[in-house]
Amino acid sequence: MTLVKLRRAAQITLPLAIRRAARLKEGDYLEAEVTKAGILLRPVSVDRREPTPDEEAEILAVVDEERKDYADERRR
């Protein structure tokens, strides 16, 4: 099992061995889901998947909150 650190703006870096095993490359999208066992990251194709209006609103709200948190941290 590999240890991954949550960094500023909630970013993580997936280790190379995991990226290779999942055949992930820079720019790929992952769908995140909280499960009983933990957090599941699943590769998705975005060229065939458009977010619903509710999903888009949720995404924009999270991005806005992260930007505010980041700005607050920079002011300290």
PDB file of N, CA and C in Angstrom:
ATOM      1  N   MET A   1       0.857  -1.168   0.000  1.00  0.00           N
ATOM      2  CA  MET A   1       0.000   0.000   0.000  1.00  0.00           C
ATOM      3  C   MET A   1       0.902   1.231   0.000  1.00  0.00           C
ATOM      4  N   THR A   2       0.525   2.250  -0.768  1.00  0.00           N
ATOM      5  CA  THR A   2       1.323   3.453  -0.918  1.00  0.00           C
ATOM      6  C   THR A   2       0.696   4.608  -0.149  1.00  0.00           C
ATOM      7  N   LEU A   3       1.522   5.382   0.518  1.00  0.00           N
ATOM      8  CA  LEU A   3       1.071   6.559   1.252  1.00  0.00           C
ATOM      9  C   LEU A   3       1.023   7.746   0.293  1.00  0.00           C
ATOM     10  N   VAL A   4      -0.111   8.462   0.287  1.00  0.00           N
ATOM     11  CA  VAL A   4      -0.299   9.625  -0.572  1.00  0.00           C
ATOM     12  C   VAL A   4      -0.661  10.805   0.316  1.00  0.00           C
ATOM     13  N   LYS A   5      -0.041  11.958   0.081  1.00  0.00           N
ATOM     14  CA  LYS A   5      -0.276  13.141   0.905  1.00  0.00           C
ATOM     15  C   LYS A   5      -1.245  14.097   0.213  1.00  0.00           C
ATOM     16  N   LEU A   6      -2.221  14.583   0.976  1.00  0.00           N
ATOM     17  CA  LEU A   6      -3.138  15.599   0.482  1.00  0.00           C
ATOM     18  C   LEU A   6      -2.430  16.939   0.585  1.00  0.00           C
ATOM     19  N   ARG A   7      -2.317  17.636  -0.535  1.00  0.00           N
ATOM     20  CA  ARG A   7      -1.560  18.881  -0.577  1.00  0.00           C
ATOM     21  C   ARG A   7      -2.495  20.082  -0.695  1.00  0.00           C
ATOM     22  N   ARG A   8      -1.900  21.240  -0.806  1.00  0.00           N
ATOM     23  CA  ARG A   8      -2.660  22.484  -0.931  1.00  0.00           C
ATOM     24  C   ARG A   8      -3.695  22.352  -2.051  1.00  0.00           C
ATOM     25  N   ALA A   9      -4.839  22.961  -1.839  1.00  0.00           N
ATOM     26  CA  ALA A   9      -5.950  22.935  -2.799  1.00  0.00           C
ATOM     27  C   ALA A   9      -6.454  21.508  -3.032  1.00  0.00           C
ATOM     28  N   ALA A  10      -6.274  20.643  -2.031  1.00  0.00           N
ATOM     29  CA  ALA A  10      -6.785  19.271  -2.050  1.00  0.00           C
ATOM     30  C   ALA A  10      -6.203  18.425  -3.188  1.00  0.00           C
ATOM     31  N   GLN A  11      -4.960  18.687  -3.563  1.00  0.00           N
ATOM     32  CA  GLN A  11      -4.332  17.925  -4.631  1.00  0.00           C
ATOM     33  C   GLN A  11      -3.566  16.736  -4.071  1.00  0.00           C
ATOM     34  N   ILE A  12      -3.575  15.647  -4.847  1.00  0.00           N
ATOM     35  CA  ILE A  12      -2.773  14.475  -4.520  1.00  0.00           C
ATOM     36  C   ILE A  12      -1.965  14.091  -5.756  1.00  0.00           C
ATOM     37  N   THR A  13      -0.873  13.386  -5.534  1.00  0.00           N
ATOM     38  CA  THR A  13      -0.089  12.833  -6.635  1.00  0.00           C
ATOM     39  C   THR A  13      -0.171  11.321  -6.537  1.00  0.00           C
ATOM     40  N   LEU A  14      -0.679  10.695  -7.589  1.00  0.00           N
ATOM     41  CA  LEU A  14      -0.718   9.235  -7.623  1.00  0.00           C
ATOM     42  C   LEU A  14       0.658   8.722  -8.003  1.00  0.00           C
ATOM     43  N   PRO A  15       1.185   7.761  -7.268  1.00  0.00           N
ATOM     44  CA  PRO A  15       2.510   7.220  -7.584  1.00  0.00           C
ATOM     45  C   PRO A  15       2.559   6.641  -8.997  1.00  0.00           C
ATOM     46  N   LEU A  16       3.752   6.681  -9.575  1.00  0.00           N
ATOM     47  CA  LEU A  16       3.959   6.208 -10.937  1.00  0.00           C
ATOM     48  C   LEU A  16       3.462   4.774 -11.137  1.00  0.00           C
ATOM     49  N   ALA A  17       3.730   3.901 -10.191  1.00  0.00           N
ATOM     50  CA  ALA A  17       3.315   2.493 -10.336  1.00  0.00           C
ATOM     51  C   ALA A  17       1.795   2.384 -10.470  1.00  0.00           C
ATOM     52  N   ILE A  18       1.069   3.195  -9.725  1.00  0.00           N
ATOM     53  CA  ILE A  18      -0.399   3.177  -9.808  1.00  0.00           C
ATOM     54  C   ILE A  18      -0.845   3.763 -11.144  1.00  0.00           C
ATOM     55  N   ARG A  19      -0.224   4.884 -11.558  1.00  0.00           N
ATOM     56  CA  ARG A  19      -0.601   5.495 -12.846  1.00  0.00           C
ATOM     57  C   ARG A  19      -0.342   4.530 -13.999  1.00  0.00           C
ATOM     58  N   ARG A  20       0.792   3.831 -13.936  1.00  0.00           N
ATOM     59  CA  ARG A  20       1.096   2.867 -15.009  1.00  0.00           C
ATOM     60  C   ARG A  20       0.114   1.699 -15.001  1.00  0.00           C
ATOM     61  N   ALA A  21      -0.168   1.161 -13.819  1.00  0.00           N
ATOM     62  CA  ALA A  21      -1.085   0.019 -13.715  1.00  0.00           C
ATOM     63  C   ALA A  21      -2.482   0.379 -14.222  1.00  0.00           C
ATOM     64  N   ALA A  22      -2.900   1.631 -13.985  1.00  0.00           N
ATOM     65  CA  ALA A  22      -4.229   2.072 -14.423  1.00  0.00           C
ATOM     66  C   ALA A  22      -4.186   2.707 -15.811  1.00  0.00           C
ATOM     67  N   ARG A  23      -2.981   2.771 -16.388  1.00  0.00           N
ATOM     68  CA  ARG A  23      -2.778   3.371 -17.713  1.00  0.00           C
ATOM     69  C   ARG A  23      -3.282   4.826 -17.755  1.00  0.00           C
ATOM     70  N   LEU A  24      -2.942   5.573 -16.717  1.00  0.00           N
ATOM     71  CA  LEU A  24      -3.329   6.977 -16.631  1.00  0.00           C
ATOM     72  C   LEU A  24      -2.207   7.853 -17.163  1.00  0.00           C
ATOM     73  N   LYS A  25      -2.598   8.939 -17.788  1.00  0.00           N
ATOM     74  CA  LYS A  25      -1.611   9.904 -18.253  1.00  0.00           C
ATOM     75  C   LYS A  25      -2.074  11.315 -17.868  1.00  0.00           C
ATOM     76  N   GLU A  26      -1.163  12.260 -17.939  1.00  0.00           N
ATOM     77  CA  GLU A  26      -1.475  13.634 -17.572  1.00  0.00           C
ATOM     78  C   GLU A  26      -2.697  14.127 -18.351  1.00  0.00           C
ATOM     79  N   GLY A  27      -3.625  14.746 -17.646  1.00  0.00           N
ATOM     80  CA  GLY A  27      -4.836  15.276 -18.272  1.00  0.00           C
ATOM     81  C   GLY A  27      -6.029  14.344 -18.190  1.00  0.00           C
ATOM     82  N   ASP A  28      -5.813  13.080 -17.814  1.00  0.00           N
ATOM     83  CA  ASP A  28      -6.934  12.152 -17.662  1.00  0.00           C
ATOM     84  C   ASP A  28      -7.823  12.593 -16.501  1.00  0.00           C
ATOM     85  N   TYR A  29      -9.083  12.269 -16.584  1.00  0.00           N
ATOM     86  CA  TYR A  29     -10.031  12.586 -15.523  1.00  0.00           C
ATOM     87  C   TYR A  29     -10.339  11.340 -14.706  1.00  0.00           C
ATOM     88  N   LEU A  30     -10.527  11.559 -13.410  1.00  0.00           N
ATOM     89  CA  LEU A  30     -10.925  10.494 -12.498  1.00  0.00           C
ATOM     90  C   LEU A  30     -12.203  10.925 -11.797  1.00  0.00           C
ATOM     91  N   GLU A  31     -13.101   9.989 -11.626  1.00  0.00           N
ATOM     92  CA  GLU A  31     -14.320  10.230 -10.870  1.00  0.00           C
ATOM     93  C   GLU A  31     -14.054   9.748  -9.445  1.00  0.00           C
ATOM     94  N   ALA A  32     -14.382  10.567  -8.451  1.00  0.00           N
ATOM     95  CA  ALA A  32     -14.140  10.215  -7.050  1.00  0.00           C
ATOM     96  C   ALA A  32     -15.453   9.896  -6.361  1.00  0.00           C
ATOM     97  N   GLU A  33     -15.445   8.837  -5.568  1.00  0.00           N
ATOM     98  CA  GLU A  33     -16.653   8.410  -4.850  1.00  0.00           C
ATOM     99  C   GLU A  33     -16.245   7.922  -3.462  1.00  0.00           C
ATOM    100  N   VAL A  34     -17.013   8.333  -2.467  1.00  0.00           N
ATOM    101  CA  VAL A  34     -16.785   7.840  -1.109  1.00  0.00           C
ATOM    102  C   VAL A  34     -17.571   6.541  -0.954  1.00  0.00           C
ATOM    103  N   THR A  35     -16.886   5.477  -0.537  1.00  0.00           N
ATOM    104  CA  THR A  35     -17.514   4.181  -0.335  1.00  0.00           C
ATOM    105  C   THR A  35     -17.324   3.768   1.125  1.00  0.00           C
ATOM    106  N   LYS A  36     -17.937   2.671   1.520  1.00  0.00           N
ATOM    107  CA  LYS A  36     -17.750   2.168   2.883  1.00  0.00           C
ATOM    108  C   LYS A  36     -16.299   1.818   3.158  1.00  0.00           C
ATOM    109  N   ALA A  37     -15.583   1.387   2.112  1.00  0.00           N
ATOM    110  CA  ALA A  37     -14.186   0.985   2.255  1.00  0.00           C
ATOM    111  C   ALA A  37     -13.221   2.167   2.197  1.00  0.00           C
ATOM    112  N   GLY A  38     -13.665   3.322   1.715  1.00  0.00           N
ATOM    113  CA  GLY A  38     -12.781   4.487   1.611  1.00  0.00           C
ATOM    114  C   GLY A  38     -13.140   5.339   0.414  1.00  0.00           C
ATOM    115  N   ILE A  39     -12.129   5.810  -0.302  1.00  0.00           N
ATOM    116  CA  ILE A  39     -12.319   6.665  -1.475  1.00  0.00           C
ATOM    117  C   ILE A  39     -11.951   5.863  -2.718  1.00  0.00           C
ATOM    118  N   LEU A  40     -12.854   5.837  -3.677  1.00  0.00           N
ATOM    119  CA  LEU A  40     -12.640   5.125  -4.928  1.00  0.00           C
ATOM    120  C   LEU A  40     -12.413   6.150  -6.033  1.00  0.00           C
ATOM    121  N   LEU A  41     -11.293   6.019  -6.752  1.00  0.00           N
ATOM    122  CA  LEU A  41     -11.009   6.847  -7.921  1.00  0.00           C
ATOM    123  C   LEU A  41     -11.152   5.970  -9.151  1.00  0.00           C
ATOM    124  N   ARG A  42     -11.958   6.435 -10.100  1.00  0.00           N
ATOM    125  CA  ARG A  42     -12.243   5.639 -11.295  1.00  0.00           C
ATOM    126  C   ARG A  42     -12.002   6.501 -12.537  1.00  0.00           C
ATOM    127  N   PRO A  43     -11.161   6.045 -13.484  1.00  0.00           N
ATOM    128  CA  PRO A  43     -10.956   6.815 -14.719  1.00  0.00           C
ATOM    129  C   PRO A  43     -12.269   6.944 -15.494  1.00  0.00           C
ATOM    130  N   VAL A  44     -12.480   8.113 -16.074  1.00  0.00           N
ATOM    131  CA  VAL A  44     -13.677   8.340 -16.889  1.00  0.00           C
ATOM    132  C   VAL A  44     -13.290   9.059 -18.168  1.00  0.00           C
ATOM    133  N   SER A  45     -14.103   8.879 -19.170  1.00  0.00           N
ATOM    134  CA  SER A  45     -13.937   9.584 -20.432  1.00  0.00           C
ATOM    135  C   SER A  45     -14.870  10.790 -20.400  1.00  0.00           C
ATOM    136  N   VAL A  46     -14.308  11.978 -20.501  1.00  0.00           N
ATOM    137  CA  VAL A  46     -15.134  13.175 -20.415  1.00  0.00           C
ATOM    138  C   VAL A  46     -15.671  13.624 -21.763  1.00  0.00           C
ATOM    139  N   ASP A  47     -15.134  13.090 -22.840  1.00  0.00           N
ATOM    140  CA  ASP A  47     -15.653  13.502 -24.134  1.00  0.00           C
ATOM    141  C   ASP A  47     -17.061  12.949 -24.374  1.00  0.00           C
ATOM    142  N   ARG A  48     -17.459  11.942 -23.623  1.00  0.00           N
ATOM    143  CA  ARG A  48     -18.810  11.390 -23.744  1.00  0.00           C
ATOM    144  C   ARG A  48     -19.658  11.697 -22.520  1.00  0.00           C
ATOM    145  N   ARG A  49     -19.136  12.426 -21.553  1.00  0.00           N
ATOM    146  CA  ARG A  49     -19.851  12.641 -20.300  1.00  0.00           C
ATOM    147  C   ARG A  49     -19.952  14.124 -19.985  1.00  0.00           C
ATOM    148  N   GLU A  50     -21.133  14.640 -20.001  1.00  0.00           N
ATOM    149  CA  GLU A  50     -21.382  16.024 -19.613  1.00  0.00           C
ATOM    150  C   GLU A  50     -22.019  16.022 -18.233  1.00  0.00           C
ATOM    151  N   PRO A  51     -21.590  16.923 -17.354  1.00  0.00           N
ATOM    152  CA  PRO A  51     -22.212  16.955 -16.026  1.00  0.00           C
ATOM    153  C   PRO A  51     -23.649  17.454 -16.102  1.00  0.00           C
ATOM    154  N   THR A  52     -24.462  16.936 -15.215  1.00  0.00           N
ATOM    155  CA  THR A  52     -25.829  17.447 -15.102  1.00  0.00           C
ATOM    156  C   THR A  52     -25.753  18.857 -14.511  1.00  0.00           C
ATOM    157  N   PRO A  53     -26.808  19.639 -14.627  1.00  0.00           N
ATOM    158  CA  PRO A  53     -26.787  20.977 -14.020  1.00  0.00           C
ATOM    159  C   PRO A  53     -26.481  20.929 -12.514  1.00  0.00           C
ATOM    160  N   ASP A  54     -27.010  19.927 -11.814  1.00  0.00           N
ATOM    161  CA  ASP A  54     -26.724  19.796 -10.376  1.00  0.00           C
ATOM    162  C   ASP A  54     -25.251  19.479 -10.128  1.00  0.00           C
ATOM    163  N   GLU A  55     -24.676  18.575 -10.940  1.00  0.00           N
ATOM    164  CA  GLU A  55     -23.258  18.229 -10.793  1.00  0.00           C
ATOM    165  C   GLU A  55     -22.377  19.441 -11.090  1.00  0.00           C
ATOM    166  N   GLU A  56     -22.742  20.186 -12.134  1.00  0.00           N
ATOM    167  CA  GLU A  56     -21.959  21.369 -12.487  1.00  0.00           C
ATOM    168  C   GLU A  56     -22.000  22.406 -11.366  1.00  0.00           C
ATOM    169  N   ALA A  57     -23.177  22.613 -10.780  1.00  0.00           N
ATOM    170  CA  ALA A  57     -23.306  23.562  -9.667  1.00  0.00           C
ATOM    171  C   ALA A  57     -22.463  23.113  -8.473  1.00  0.00           C
ATOM    172  N   GLU A  58     -22.458  21.805  -8.203  1.00  0.00           N
ATOM    173  CA  GLU A  58     -21.666  21.263  -7.096  1.00  0.00           C
ATOM    174  C   GLU A  58     -20.171  21.452  -7.354  1.00  0.00           C
ATOM    175  N   ILE A  59     -19.741  21.187  -8.569  1.00  0.00           N
ATOM    176  CA  ILE A  59     -18.330  21.353  -8.940  1.00  0.00           C
ATOM    177  C   ILE A  59     -17.912  22.812  -8.774  1.00  0.00           C
ATOM    178  N   LEU A  60     -18.723  23.718  -9.295  1.00  0.00           N
ATOM    179  CA  LEU A  60     -18.391  25.139  -9.214  1.00  0.00           C
ATOM    180  C   LEU A  60     -18.373  25.630  -7.766  1.00  0.00           C
ATOM    181  N   ALA A  61     -19.254  25.109  -6.938  1.00  0.00           N
ATOM    182  CA  ALA A  61     -19.278  25.490  -5.519  1.00  0.00           C
ATOM    183  C   ALA A  61     -18.002  25.025  -4.815  1.00  0.00           C
ATOM    184  N   VAL A  62     -17.561  23.815  -5.109  1.00  0.00           N
ATOM    185  CA  VAL A  62     -16.331  23.287  -4.504  1.00  0.00           C
ATOM    186  C   VAL A  62     -15.124  24.104  -4.967  1.00  0.00           C
ATOM    187  N   VAL A  63     -15.058  24.391  -6.251  1.00  0.00           N
ATOM    188  CA  VAL A  63     -13.949  25.183  -6.783  1.00  0.00           C
ATOM    189  C   VAL A  63     -13.926  26.560  -6.128  1.00  0.00           C
ATOM    190  N   ASP A  64     -15.083  27.182  -6.009  1.00  0.00           N
ATOM    191  CA  ASP A  64     -15.164  28.495  -5.378  1.00  0.00           C
ATOM    192  C   ASP A  64     -14.690  28.441  -3.929  1.00  0.00           C
ATOM    193  N   GLU A  65     -15.107  27.429  -3.191  1.00  0.00           N
ATOM    194  CA  GLU A  65     -14.704  27.275  -1.796  1.00  0.00           C
ATOM    195  C   GLU A  65     -13.195  27.041  -1.687  1.00  0.00           C
ATOM    196  N   GLU A  66     -12.643  26.211  -2.561  1.00  0.00           N
ATOM    197  CA  GLU A  66     -11.199  25.952  -2.544  1.00  0.00           C
ATOM    198  C   GLU A  66     -10.411  27.217  -2.858  1.00  0.00           C
ATOM    199  N   ARG A  67     -10.906  28.023  -3.790  1.00  0.00           N
ATOM    200  CA  ARG A  67     -10.229  29.283  -4.112  1.00  0.00           C
ATOM    201  C   ARG A  67     -10.238  30.223  -2.912  1.00  0.00           C
ATOM    202  N   LYS A  68     -11.364  30.285  -2.215  1.00  0.00           N
ATOM    203  CA  LYS A  68     -11.459  31.134  -1.026  1.00  0.00           C
ATOM    204  C   LYS A  68     -10.494  30.643   0.055  1.00  0.00           C
ATOM    205  N   ASP A  69     -10.453  29.337   0.286  1.00  0.00           N
ATOM    206  CA  ASP A  69      -9.544  28.768   1.284  1.00  0.00           C
ATOM    207  C   ASP A  69      -8.091  29.061   0.922  1.00  0.00           C
ATOM    208  N   TYR A  70      -7.758  28.907  -0.350  1.00  0.00           N
ATOM    209  CA  TYR A  70      -6.402  29.158  -0.802  1.00  0.00           C
ATOM    210  C   TYR A  70      -6.032  30.631  -0.605  1.00  0.00           C
ATOM    211  N   ALA A  71      -6.957  31.526  -0.943  1.00  0.00           N
ATOM    212  CA  ALA A  71      -6.708  32.954  -0.761  1.00  0.00           C
ATOM    213  C   ALA A  71      -6.525  33.286   0.723  1.00  0.00           C
ATOM    214  N   ASP A  72      -7.328  32.676   1.577  1.00  0.00           N
ATOM    215  CA  ASP A  72      -7.193  32.893   3.019  1.00  0.00           C
ATOM    216  C   ASP A  72      -5.829  32.429   3.525  1.00  0.00           C
ATOM    217  N   GLU A  73      -5.373  31.281   3.055  1.00  0.00           N
ATOM    218  CA  GLU A  73      -4.069  30.748   3.468  1.00  0.00           C
ATOM    219  C   GLU A  73      -2.933  31.678   3.017  1.00  0.00           C
ATOM    220  N   ARG A  74      -3.058  32.242   1.845  1.00  0.00           N
ATOM    221  CA  ARG A  74      -2.004  33.127   1.318  1.00  0.00           C
ATOM    222  C   ARG A  74      -1.918  34.422   2.109  1.00  0.00           C
ATOM    223  N   ARG A  75      -3.037  34.850   2.683  1.00  0.00           N
ATOM    224  CA  ARG A  75      -3.053  36.095   3.454  1.00  0.00           C
ATOM    225  C   ARG A  75      -2.425  35.944   4.832  1.00  0.00           C
ATOM    226  N   ARG A  76      -2.275  34.720   5.310  1.00  0.00           N
ATOM    227  CA  ARG A  76      -1.721  34.484   6.658  1.00  0.00           C
ATOM    228  C   ARG A  76      -0.242  34.713   6.708  1.00  0.00           C
TER     229      ARG A  76
END
